[in-house]
Amino acid sequence: LSRLMGLYCFVGAGVFLLAGILLHFQI
């Protein structure tokens, strides 16, 4: 369960980091 939760958190971090970068470029 902790491996699953860790993966979920890392995916979430990657998704929102990418969204922030794209938003910086007005996407």
mmCIF file of all heavy atoms, coordinates in Angstrom:
data_MODEL
# 
_entry.id   MODEL 
# 
loop_
_atom_site.group_PDB 
_atom_site.id 
_atom_site.type_symbol 
_atom_site.label_atom_id 
_atom_site.label_alt_id 
_atom_site.label_comp_id 
_atom_site.label_asym_id 
_atom_site.label_entity_id 
_atom_site.label_seq_id 
_atom_site.pdbx_PDB_ins_code 
_atom_site.Cartn_x 
_atom_site.Cartn_y 
_atom_site.Cartn_z 
_atom_site.occupancy 
_atom_site.B_iso_or_equiv 
_atom_site.pdbx_formal_charge 
_atom_site.auth_seq_id 
_atom_site.auth_comp_id 
_atom_site.auth_asym_id 
_atom_site.auth_atom_id 
_atom_site.pdbx_PDB_model_num 
ATOM 1   N N   . LEU A 1 1  ? 0.828  -1.203 0.000   1.00 0.00 ? 1  LEU A N   1 
ATOM 2   C CA  . LEU A 1 1  ? 0.000  0.000  0.000   1.00 0.00 ? 1  LEU A CA  1 
ATOM 3   C C   . LEU A 1 1  ? 0.863  1.254  0.000   1.00 0.00 ? 1  LEU A C   1 
ATOM 4   O O   . LEU A 1 1  ? 0.550  2.236  -0.688  1.00 0.00 ? 1  LEU A O   1 
ATOM 5   C CB  . LEU A 1 1  ? -0.919 -0.002 1.217   1.00 0.00 ? 1  LEU A CB  1 
ATOM 6   C CG  . LEU A 1 1  ? -1.895 1.168  1.341   1.00 0.00 ? 1  LEU A CG  1 
ATOM 7   C CD1 . LEU A 1 1  ? -2.813 1.239  0.129   1.00 0.00 ? 1  LEU A CD1 1 
ATOM 8   C CD2 . LEU A 1 1  ? -2.716 1.058  2.628   1.00 0.00 ? 1  LEU A CD2 1 
ATOM 9   N N   . SER A 1 2  ? 1.956  1.241  0.751   1.00 0.00 ? 2  SER A N   1 
ATOM 10  C CA  . SER A 1 2  ? 2.821  2.417  0.798   1.00 0.00 ? 2  SER A CA  1 
ATOM 11  C C   . SER A 1 2  ? 3.523  2.645  -0.543  1.00 0.00 ? 2  SER A C   1 
ATOM 12  O O   . SER A 1 2  ? 3.743  3.790  -0.947  1.00 0.00 ? 2  SER A O   1 
ATOM 13  C CB  . SER A 1 2  ? 3.864  2.269  1.916   1.00 0.00 ? 2  SER A CB  1 
ATOM 14  O OG  . SER A 1 2  ? 4.758  1.214  1.639   1.00 0.00 ? 2  SER A OG  1 
ATOM 15  N N   . ARG A 1 3  ? 3.872  1.558  -1.245  1.00 0.00 ? 3  ARG A N   1 
ATOM 16  C CA  . ARG A 1 3  ? 4.457  1.712  -2.585  1.00 0.00 ? 3  ARG A CA  1 
ATOM 17  C C   . ARG A 1 3  ? 3.454  2.358  -3.531  1.00 0.00 ? 3  ARG A C   1 
ATOM 18  O O   . ARG A 1 3  ? 3.808  3.238  -4.325  1.00 0.00 ? 3  ARG A O   1 
ATOM 19  C CB  . ARG A 1 3  ? 4.895  0.351  -3.131  1.00 0.00 ? 3  ARG A CB  1 
ATOM 20  C CG  . ARG A 1 3  ? 6.160  -0.219 -2.496  1.00 0.00 ? 3  ARG A CG  1 
ATOM 21  C CD  . ARG A 1 3  ? 6.726  -1.355 -3.325  1.00 0.00 ? 3  ARG A CD  1 
ATOM 22  N NE  . ARG A 1 3  ? 5.785  -2.467 -3.427  1.00 0.00 ? 3  ARG A NE  1 
ATOM 23  C CZ  . ARG A 1 3  ? 5.730  -3.472 -2.586  1.00 0.00 ? 3  ARG A CZ  1 
ATOM 24  N NH1 . ARG A 1 3  ? 6.557  -3.522 -1.546  1.00 0.00 ? 3  ARG A NH1 1 
ATOM 25  N NH2 . ARG A 1 3  ? 4.857  -4.453 -2.759  1.00 0.00 ? 3  ARG A NH2 1 
ATOM 26  N N   . LEU A 1 4  ? 2.204  1.904  -3.442  1.00 0.00 ? 4  LEU A N   1 
ATOM 27  C CA  . LEU A 1 4  ? 1.147  2.466  -4.284  1.00 0.00 ? 4  LEU A CA  1 
ATOM 28  C C   . LEU A 1 4  ? 0.926  3.937  -3.969  1.00 0.00 ? 4  LEU A C   1 
ATOM 29  O O   . LEU A 1 4  ? 0.834  4.782  -4.879  1.00 0.00 ? 4  LEU A O   1 
ATOM 30  C CB  . LEU A 1 4  ? -0.143 1.682  -4.083  1.00 0.00 ? 4  LEU A CB  1 
ATOM 31  C CG  . LEU A 1 4  ? -1.367 2.190  -4.866  1.00 0.00 ? 4  LEU A CG  1 
ATOM 32  C CD1 . LEU A 1 4  ? -1.145 2.011  -6.366  1.00 0.00 ? 4  LEU A CD1 1 
ATOM 33  C CD2 . LEU A 1 4  ? -2.627 1.454  -4.410  1.00 0.00 ? 4  LEU A CD2 1 
ATOM 34  N N   . MET A 1 5  ? 0.837  4.276  -2.679  1.00 0.00 ? 5  MET A N   1 
ATOM 35  C CA  . MET A 1 5  ? 0.620  5.663  -2.283  1.00 0.00 ? 5  MET A CA  1 
ATOM 36  C C   . MET A 1 5  ? 1.786  6.548  -2.675  1.00 0.00 ? 5  MET A C   1 
ATOM 37  O O   . MET A 1 5  ? 1.607  7.699  -3.112  1.00 0.00 ? 5  MET A O   1 
ATOM 38  C CB  . MET A 1 5  ? 0.403  5.743  -0.763  1.00 0.00 ? 5  MET A CB  1 
ATOM 39  C CG  . MET A 1 5  ? -0.921 5.184  -0.282  1.00 0.00 ? 5  MET A CG  1 
ATOM 40  S SD  . MET A 1 5  ? -2.355 6.043  -0.961  1.00 0.00 ? 5  MET A SD  1 
ATOM 41  C CE  . MET A 1 5  ? -2.050 7.711  -0.400  1.00 0.00 ? 5  MET A CE  1 
ATOM 42  N N   . GLY A 1 6  ? 2.997  6.022  -2.539  1.00 0.00 ? 6  GLY A N   1 
ATOM 43  C CA  . GLY A 1 6  ? 4.170  6.788  -2.957  1.00 0.00 ? 6  GLY A CA  1 
ATOM 44  C C   . GLY A 1 6  ? 4.152  7.075  -4.446  1.00 0.00 ? 6  GLY A C   1 
ATOM 45  O O   . GLY A 1 6  ? 4.416  8.201  -4.884  1.00 0.00 ? 6  GLY A O   1 
ATOM 46  N N   . LEU A 1 7  ? 3.820  6.040  -5.238  1.00 0.00 ? 7  LEU A N   1 
ATOM 47  C CA  . LEU A 1 7  ? 3.734  6.226  -6.687  1.00 0.00 ? 7  LEU A CA  1 
ATOM 48  C C   . LEU A 1 7  ? 2.676  7.254  -7.049  1.00 0.00 ? 7  LEU A C   1 
ATOM 49  O O   . LEU A 1 7  ? 2.889  8.116  -7.911  1.00 0.00 ? 7  LEU A O   1 
ATOM 50  C CB  . LEU A 1 7  ? 3.418  4.883  -7.351  1.00 0.00 ? 7  LEU A CB  1 
ATOM 51  C CG  . LEU A 1 7  ? 3.222  4.906  -8.877  1.00 0.00 ? 7  LEU A CG  1 
ATOM 52  C CD1 . LEU A 1 7  ? 4.486  5.390  -9.563  1.00 0.00 ? 7  LEU A CD1 1 
ATOM 53  C CD2 . LEU A 1 7  ? 2.804  3.531  -9.380  1.00 0.00 ? 7  LEU A CD2 1 
ATOM 54  N N   . TYR A 1 8  ? 1.531  7.186  -6.368  1.00 0.00 ? 8  TYR A N   1 
ATOM 55  C CA  . TYR A 1 8  ? 0.448  8.147  -6.606  1.00 0.00 ? 8  TYR A CA  1 
ATOM 56  C C   . TYR A 1 8  ? 0.907  9.578  -6.334  1.00 0.00 ? 8  TYR A C   1 
ATOM 57  O O   . TYR A 1 8  ? 0.636  10.497 -7.119  1.00 0.00 ? 8  TYR A O   1 
ATOM 58  C CB  . TYR A 1 8  ? -0.731 7.792  -5.709  1.00 0.00 ? 8  TYR A CB  1 
ATOM 59  C CG  . TYR A 1 8  ? -1.835 8.820  -5.666  1.00 0.00 ? 8  TYR A CG  1 
ATOM 60  C CD1 . TYR A 1 8  ? -2.731 8.957  -6.714  1.00 0.00 ? 8  TYR A CD1 1 
ATOM 61  C CD2 . TYR A 1 8  ? -1.993 9.646  -4.547  1.00 0.00 ? 8  TYR A CD2 1 
ATOM 62  C CE1 . TYR A 1 8  ? -3.751 9.894  -6.666  1.00 0.00 ? 8  TYR A CE1 1 
ATOM 63  C CE2 . TYR A 1 8  ? -3.011 10.577 -4.488  1.00 0.00 ? 8  TYR A CE2 1 
ATOM 64  C CZ  . TYR A 1 8  ? -3.886 10.699 -5.546  1.00 0.00 ? 8  TYR A CZ  1 
ATOM 65  O OH  . TYR A 1 8  ? -4.891 11.630 -5.498  1.00 0.00 ? 8  TYR A OH  1 
ATOM 66  N N   . CYS A 1 9  ? 1.626  9.761  -5.232  1.00 0.00 ? 9  CYS A N   1 
ATOM 67  C CA  . CYS A 1 9  ? 2.121  11.099 -4.880  1.00 0.00 ? 9  CYS A CA  1 
ATOM 68  C C   . CYS A 1 9  ? 3.151  11.595 -5.897  1.00 0.00 ? 9  CYS A C   1 
ATOM 69  O O   . CYS A 1 9  ? 3.143  12.771 -6.285  1.00 0.00 ? 9  CYS A O   1 
ATOM 70  C CB  . CYS A 1 9  ? 2.730  11.082 -3.480  1.00 0.00 ? 9  CYS A CB  1 
ATOM 71  S SG  . CYS A 1 9  ? 1.521  10.893 -2.147  1.00 0.00 ? 9  CYS A SG  1 
ATOM 72  N N   . PHE A 1 10 ? 4.029  10.708 -6.359  1.00 0.00 ? 10 PHE A N   1 
ATOM 73  C CA  . PHE A 1 10 ? 5.049  11.114 -7.327  1.00 0.00 ? 10 PHE A CA  1 
ATOM 74  C C   . PHE A 1 10 ? 4.418  11.454 -8.679  1.00 0.00 ? 10 PHE A C   1 
ATOM 75  O O   . PHE A 1 10 ? 4.845  12.395 -9.351  1.00 0.00 ? 10 PHE A O   1 
ATOM 76  C CB  . PHE A 1 10 ? 6.086  10.005 -7.491  1.00 0.00 ? 10 PHE A CB  1 
ATOM 77  C CG  . PHE A 1 10 ? 6.885  9.733  -6.236  1.00 0.00 ? 10 PHE A CG  1 
ATOM 78  C CD1 . PHE A 1 10 ? 7.279  8.447  -5.903  1.00 0.00 ? 10 PHE A CD1 1 
ATOM 79  C CD2 . PHE A 1 10 ? 7.217  10.768 -5.372  1.00 0.00 ? 10 PHE A CD2 1 
ATOM 80  C CE1 . PHE A 1 10 ? 8.001  8.191  -4.746  1.00 0.00 ? 10 PHE A CE1 1 
ATOM 81  C CE2 . PHE A 1 10 ? 7.937  10.532 -4.202  1.00 0.00 ? 10 PHE A CE2 1 
ATOM 82  C CZ  . PHE A 1 10 ? 8.330  9.241  -3.894  1.00 0.00 ? 10 PHE A CZ  1 
ATOM 83  N N   . VAL A 1 11 ? 3.397  10.686 -9.064  1.00 0.00 ? 11 VAL A N   1 
ATOM 84  C CA  . VAL A 1 11 ? 2.679  11.001 -10.305 1.00 0.00 ? 11 VAL A CA  1 
ATOM 85  C C   . VAL A 1 11 ? 1.991  12.357 -10.181 1.00 0.00 ? 11 VAL A C   1 
ATOM 86  O O   . VAL A 1 11 ? 2.042  13.188 -11.096 1.00 0.00 ? 11 VAL A O   1 
ATOM 87  C CB  . VAL A 1 11 ? 1.650  9.899  -10.629 1.00 0.00 ? 11 VAL A CB  1 
ATOM 88  C CG1 . VAL A 1 11 ? 0.714  10.350 -11.755 1.00 0.00 ? 11 VAL A CG1 1 
ATOM 89  C CG2 . VAL A 1 11 ? 2.354  8.610  -11.037 1.00 0.00 ? 11 VAL A CG2 1 
ATOM 90  N N   . GLY A 1 12 ? 1.357  12.582 -9.021  1.00 0.00 ? 12 GLY A N   1 
ATOM 91  C CA  . GLY A 1 12 ? 0.707  13.874 -8.795  1.00 0.00 ? 12 GLY A CA  1 
ATOM 92  C C   . GLY A 1 12 ? 1.692  15.019 -8.860  1.00 0.00 ? 12 GLY A C   1 
ATOM 93  O O   . GLY A 1 12 ? 1.410  16.071 -9.447  1.00 0.00 ? 12 GLY A O   1 
ATOM 94  N N   . ALA A 1 13 ? 2.867  14.834 -8.254  1.00 0.00 ? 13 ALA A N   1 
ATOM 95  C CA  . ALA A 1 13 ? 3.904  15.868 -8.285  1.00 0.00 ? 13 ALA A CA  1 
ATOM 96  C C   . ALA A 1 13 ? 4.329  16.163 -9.712  1.00 0.00 ? 13 ALA A C   1 
ATOM 97  O O   . ALA A 1 13 ? 4.460  17.331 -10.113 1.00 0.00 ? 13 ALA A O   1 
ATOM 98  C CB  . ALA A 1 13 ? 5.108  15.427 -7.452  1.00 0.00 ? 13 ALA A CB  1 
ATOM 99  N N   . GLY A 1 14 ? 4.513  15.105 -10.504 1.00 0.00 ? 14 GLY A N   1 
ATOM 100 C CA  . GLY A 1 14 ? 4.934  15.295 -11.890 1.00 0.00 ? 14 GLY A CA  1 
ATOM 101 C C   . GLY A 1 14 ? 3.877  15.997 -12.723 1.00 0.00 ? 14 GLY A C   1 
ATOM 102 O O   . GLY A 1 14 ? 4.191  16.886 -13.531 1.00 0.00 ? 14 GLY A O   1 
ATOM 103 N N   . VAL A 1 15 ? 2.614  15.613 -12.526 1.00 0.00 ? 15 VAL A N   1 
ATOM 104 C CA  . VAL A 1 15 ? 1.514  16.199 -13.296 1.00 0.00 ? 15 VAL A CA  1 
ATOM 105 C C   . VAL A 1 15 ? 1.388  17.690 -13.017 1.00 0.00 ? 15 VAL A C   1 
ATOM 106 O O   . VAL A 1 15 ? 1.297  18.517 -13.942 1.00 0.00 ? 15 VAL A O   1 
ATOM 107 C CB  . VAL A 1 15 ? 0.187  15.472 -12.981 1.00 0.00 ? 15 VAL A CB  1 
ATOM 108 C CG1 . VAL A 1 15 ? -1.009 16.280 -13.506 1.00 0.00 ? 15 VAL A CG1 1 
ATOM 109 C CG2 . VAL A 1 15 ? 0.185  14.079 -13.596 1.00 0.00 ? 15 VAL A CG2 1 
ATOM 110 N N   . PHE A 1 16 ? 1.405  18.069 -11.740 1.00 0.00 ? 16 PHE A N   1 
ATOM 111 C CA  . PHE A 1 16 ? 1.213  19.475 -11.396 1.00 0.00 ? 16 PHE A CA  1 
ATOM 112 C C   . PHE A 1 16 ? 2.462  20.309 -11.688 1.00 0.00 ? 16 PHE A C   1 
ATOM 113 O O   . PHE A 1 16 ? 2.353  21.501 -11.991 1.00 0.00 ? 16 PHE A O   1 
ATOM 114 C CB  . PHE A 1 16 ? 0.786  19.612 -9.939  1.00 0.00 ? 16 PHE A CB  1 
ATOM 115 C CG  . PHE A 1 16 ? -0.640 19.213 -9.708  1.00 0.00 ? 16 PHE A CG  1 
ATOM 116 C CD1 . PHE A 1 16 ? -0.959 17.986 -9.131  1.00 0.00 ? 16 PHE A CD1 1 
ATOM 117 C CD2 . PHE A 1 16 ? -1.676 20.041 -10.100 1.00 0.00 ? 16 PHE A CD2 1 
ATOM 118 C CE1 . PHE A 1 16 ? -2.270 17.608 -8.936  1.00 0.00 ? 16 PHE A CE1 1 
ATOM 119 C CE2 . PHE A 1 16 ? -3.001 19.676 -9.917  1.00 0.00 ? 16 PHE A CE2 1 
ATOM 120 C CZ  . PHE A 1 16 ? -3.304 18.450 -9.336  1.00 0.00 ? 16 PHE A CZ  1 
ATOM 121 N N   . LEU A 1 17 ? 3.637  19.706 -11.613 1.00 0.00 ? 17 LEU A N   1 
ATOM 122 C CA  . LEU A 1 17 ? 4.851  20.416 -12.006 1.00 0.00 ? 17 LEU A CA  1 
ATOM 123 C C   . LEU A 1 17 ? 4.823  20.731 -13.494 1.00 0.00 ? 17 LEU A C   1 
ATOM 124 O O   . LEU A 1 17 ? 5.115  21.867 -13.915 1.00 0.00 ? 17 LEU A O   1 
ATOM 125 C CB  . LEU A 1 17 ? 6.087  19.570 -11.680 1.00 0.00 ? 17 LEU A CB  1 
ATOM 126 C CG  . LEU A 1 17 ? 7.436  20.144 -12.146 1.00 0.00 ? 17 LEU A CG  1 
ATOM 127 C CD1 . LEU A 1 17 ? 7.710  21.484 -11.491 1.00 0.00 ? 17 LEU A CD1 1 
ATOM 128 C CD2 . LEU A 1 17 ? 8.557  19.154 -11.865 1.00 0.00 ? 17 LEU A CD2 1 
ATOM 129 N N   . LEU A 1 18 ? 4.457  19.742 -14.300 1.00 0.00 ? 18 LEU A N   1 
ATOM 130 C CA  . LEU A 1 18 ? 4.362  19.954 -15.744 1.00 0.00 ? 18 LEU A CA  1 
ATOM 131 C C   . LEU A 1 18 ? 3.304  20.996 -16.074 1.00 0.00 ? 18 LEU A C   1 
ATOM 132 O O   . LEU A 1 18 ? 3.512  21.860 -16.942 1.00 0.00 ? 18 LEU A O   1 
ATOM 133 C CB  . LEU A 1 18 ? 4.050  18.637 -16.439 1.00 0.00 ? 18 LEU A CB  1 
ATOM 134 C CG  . LEU A 1 18 ? 3.922  18.682 -17.971 1.00 0.00 ? 18 LEU A CG  1 
ATOM 135 C CD1 . LEU A 1 18 ? 5.216  19.184 -18.602 1.00 0.00 ? 18 LEU A CD1 1 
ATOM 136 C CD2 . LEU A 1 18 ? 3.553  17.308 -18.518 1.00 0.00 ? 18 LEU A CD2 1 
ATOM 137 N N   . ALA A 1 19 ? 2.160  20.937 -15.369 1.00 0.00 ? 19 ALA A N   1 
ATOM 138 C CA  . ALA A 1 19 ? 1.097  21.915 -15.605 1.00 0.00 ? 19 ALA A CA  1 
ATOM 139 C C   . ALA A 1 19 ? 1.572  23.325 -15.279 1.00 0.00 ? 19 ALA A C   1 
ATOM 140 O O   . ALA A 1 19 ? 1.272  24.289 -15.996 1.00 0.00 ? 19 ALA A O   1 
ATOM 141 C CB  . ALA A 1 19 ? -0.133 21.572 -14.769 1.00 0.00 ? 19 ALA A CB  1 
ATOM 142 N N   . GLY A 1 20 ? 2.340  23.465 -14.183 1.00 0.00 ? 20 GLY A N   1 
ATOM 143 C CA  . GLY A 1 20 ? 2.869  24.775 -13.815 1.00 0.00 ? 20 GLY A CA  1 
ATOM 144 C C   . GLY A 1 20 ? 3.825  25.320 -14.859 1.00 0.00 ? 20 GLY A C   1 
ATOM 145 O O   . GLY A 1 20 ? 3.800  26.516 -15.193 1.00 0.00 ? 20 GLY A O   1 
ATOM 146 N N   . ILE A 1 21 ? 4.662  24.456 -15.402 1.00 0.00 ? 21 ILE A N   1 
ATOM 147 C CA  . ILE A 1 21 ? 5.616  24.879 -16.438 1.00 0.00 ? 21 ILE A CA  1 
ATOM 148 C C   . ILE A 1 21 ? 4.880  25.306 -17.696 1.00 0.00 ? 21 ILE A C   1 
ATOM 149 O O   . ILE A 1 21 ? 5.183  26.355 -18.297 1.00 0.00 ? 21 ILE A O   1 
ATOM 150 C CB  . ILE A 1 21 ? 6.604  23.739 -16.752 1.00 0.00 ? 21 ILE A CB  1 
ATOM 151 C CG1 . ILE A 1 21 ? 7.496  23.462 -15.535 1.00 0.00 ? 21 ILE A CG1 1 
ATOM 152 C CG2 . ILE A 1 21 ? 7.463  24.083 -17.969 1.00 0.00 ? 21 ILE A CG2 1 
ATOM 153 C CD1 . ILE A 1 21 ? 8.369  22.240 -15.673 1.00 0.00 ? 21 ILE A CD1 1 
ATOM 154 N N   . LEU A 1 22 ? 3.881  24.509 -18.102 1.00 0.00 ? 22 LEU A N   1 
ATOM 155 C CA  . LEU A 1 22 ? 3.113  24.845 -19.306 1.00 0.00 ? 22 LEU A CA  1 
ATOM 156 C C   . LEU A 1 22 ? 2.327  26.141 -19.117 1.00 0.00 ? 22 LEU A C   1 
ATOM 157 O O   . LEU A 1 22 ? 2.222  26.957 -20.036 1.00 0.00 ? 22 LEU A O   1 
ATOM 158 C CB  . LEU A 1 22 ? 2.152  23.703 -19.652 1.00 0.00 ? 22 LEU A CB  1 
ATOM 159 C CG  . LEU A 1 22 ? 2.813  22.396 -20.114 1.00 0.00 ? 22 LEU A CG  1 
ATOM 160 C CD1 . LEU A 1 22 ? 1.760  21.316 -20.333 1.00 0.00 ? 22 LEU A CD1 1 
ATOM 161 C CD2 . LEU A 1 22 ? 3.604  22.612 -21.393 1.00 0.00 ? 22 LEU A CD2 1 
ATOM 162 N N   . LEU A 1 23 ? 1.792  26.331 -17.907 1.00 0.00 ? 23 LEU A N   1 
ATOM 163 C CA  . LEU A 1 23 ? 1.046  27.557 -17.636 1.00 0.00 ? 23 LEU A CA  1 
ATOM 164 C C   . LEU A 1 23 ? 1.960  28.772 -17.699 1.00 0.00 ? 23 LEU A C   1 
ATOM 165 O O   . LEU A 1 23 ? 1.539  29.863 -18.105 1.00 0.00 ? 23 LEU A O   1 
ATOM 166 C CB  . LEU A 1 23 ? 0.380  27.462 -16.263 1.00 0.00 ? 23 LEU A CB  1 
ATOM 167 C CG  . LEU A 1 23 ? -0.639 28.551 -15.921 1.00 0.00 ? 23 LEU A CG  1 
ATOM 168 C CD1 . LEU A 1 23 ? -1.793 28.532 -16.913 1.00 0.00 ? 23 LEU A CD1 1 
ATOM 169 C CD2 . LEU A 1 23 ? -1.164 28.367 -14.512 1.00 0.00 ? 23 LEU A CD2 1 
ATOM 170 N N   . HIS A 1 24 ? 3.216  28.600 -17.301 1.00 0.00 ? 24 HIS A N   1 
ATOM 171 C CA  . HIS A 1 24 ? 4.187  29.690 -17.387 1.00 0.00 ? 24 HIS A CA  1 
ATOM 172 C C   . HIS A 1 24 ? 4.350  30.159 -18.829 1.00 0.00 ? 24 HIS A C   1 
ATOM 173 O O   . HIS A 1 24 ? 4.588  31.346 -19.084 1.00 0.00 ? 24 HIS A O   1 
ATOM 174 C CB  . HIS A 1 24 ? 5.528  29.232 -16.826 1.00 0.00 ? 24 HIS A CB  1 
ATOM 175 C CG  . HIS A 1 24 ? 6.624  30.255 -16.957 1.00 0.00 ? 24 HIS A CG  1 
ATOM 176 N ND1 . HIS A 1 24 ? 6.658  31.414 -16.212 1.00 0.00 ? 24 HIS A ND1 1 
ATOM 177 C CD2 . HIS A 1 24 ? 7.717  30.307 -17.787 1.00 0.00 ? 24 HIS A CD2 1 
ATOM 178 C CE1 . HIS A 1 24 ? 7.711  32.133 -16.545 1.00 0.00 ? 24 HIS A CE1 1 
ATOM 179 N NE2 . HIS A 1 24 ? 8.366  31.484 -17.495 1.00 0.00 ? 24 HIS A NE2 1 
ATOM 180 N N   . PHE A 1 25 ? 4.210  29.231 -19.755 1.00 0.00 ? 25 PHE A N   1 
ATOM 181 C CA  . PHE A 1 25 ? 4.317  29.558 -21.178 1.00 0.00 ? 25 PHE A CA  1 
ATOM 182 C C   . PHE A 1 25 ? 2.945  29.825 -21.798 1.00 0.00 ? 25 PHE A C   1 
ATOM 183 O O   . PHE A 1 25 ? 2.767  29.728 -23.002 1.00 0.00 ? 25 PHE A O   1 
ATOM 184 C CB  . PHE A 1 25 ? 5.029  28.428 -21.926 1.00 0.00 ? 25 PHE A CB  1 
ATOM 185 C CG  . PHE A 1 25 ? 6.480  28.295 -21.561 1.00 0.00 ? 25 PHE A CG  1 
ATOM 186 C CD1 . PHE A 1 25 ? 6.907  27.303 -20.692 1.00 0.00 ? 25 PHE A CD1 1 
ATOM 187 C CD2 . PHE A 1 25 ? 7.419  29.187 -22.063 1.00 0.00 ? 25 PHE A CD2 1 
ATOM 188 C CE1 . PHE A 1 25 ? 8.247  27.185 -20.343 1.00 0.00 ? 25 PHE A CE1 1 
ATOM 189 C CE2 . PHE A 1 25 ? 8.759  29.082 -21.724 1.00 0.00 ? 25 PHE A CE2 1 
ATOM 190 C CZ  . PHE A 1 25 ? 9.179  28.077 -20.857 1.00 0.00 ? 25 PHE A CZ  1 
ATOM 191 N N   . GLN A 1 26 ? 1.974  30.145 -20.918 1.00 0.00 ? 26 GLN A N   1 
ATOM 192 C CA  . GLN A 1 26 ? 0.634  30.586 -21.310 1.00 0.00 ? 26 GLN A CA  1 
ATOM 193 C C   . GLN A 1 26 ? -0.152 29.510 -22.037 1.00 0.00 ? 26 GLN A C   1 
ATOM 194 O O   . GLN A 1 26 ? -1.013 29.800 -22.868 1.00 0.00 ? 26 GLN A O   1 
ATOM 195 C CB  . GLN A 1 26 ? 0.718  31.863 -22.156 1.00 0.00 ? 26 GLN A CB  1 
ATOM 196 C CG  . GLN A 1 26 ? 1.381  33.018 -21.427 1.00 0.00 ? 26 GLN A CG  1 
ATOM 197 C CD  . GLN A 1 26 ? 1.513  34.256 -22.270 1.00 0.00 ? 26 GLN A CD  1 
ATOM 198 O OE1 . GLN A 1 26 ? 0.935  34.337 -23.347 1.00 0.00 ? 26 GLN A OE1 1 
ATOM 199 N NE2 . GLN A 1 26 ? 2.264  35.222 -21.789 1.00 0.00 ? 26 GLN A NE2 1 
ATOM 200 N N   . ILE A 1 27 ? 0.126  28.257 -21.735 1.00 0.00 ? 27 ILE A N   1 
ATOM 201 C CA  . ILE A 1 27 ? -0.668 27.146 -22.272 1.00 0.00 ? 27 ILE A CA  1 
ATOM 202 C C   . ILE A 1 27 ? -1.761 26.879 -21.241 1.00 0.00 ? 27 ILE A C   1 
ATOM 203 O O   . ILE A 1 27 ? -1.601 26.070 -20.323 1.00 0.00 ? 27 ILE A O   1 
ATOM 204 C CB  . ILE A 1 27 ? 0.216  25.909 -22.517 1.00 0.00 ? 27 ILE A CB  1 
ATOM 205 C CG1 . ILE A 1 27 ? 1.373  26.266 -23.455 1.00 0.00 ? 27 ILE A CG1 1 
ATOM 206 C CG2 . ILE A 1 27 ? -0.611 24.759 -23.095 1.00 0.00 ? 27 ILE A CG2 1 
ATOM 207 C CD1 . ILE A 1 27 ? 2.347  25.131 -23.698 1.00 0.00 ? 27 ILE A CD1 1 
# 
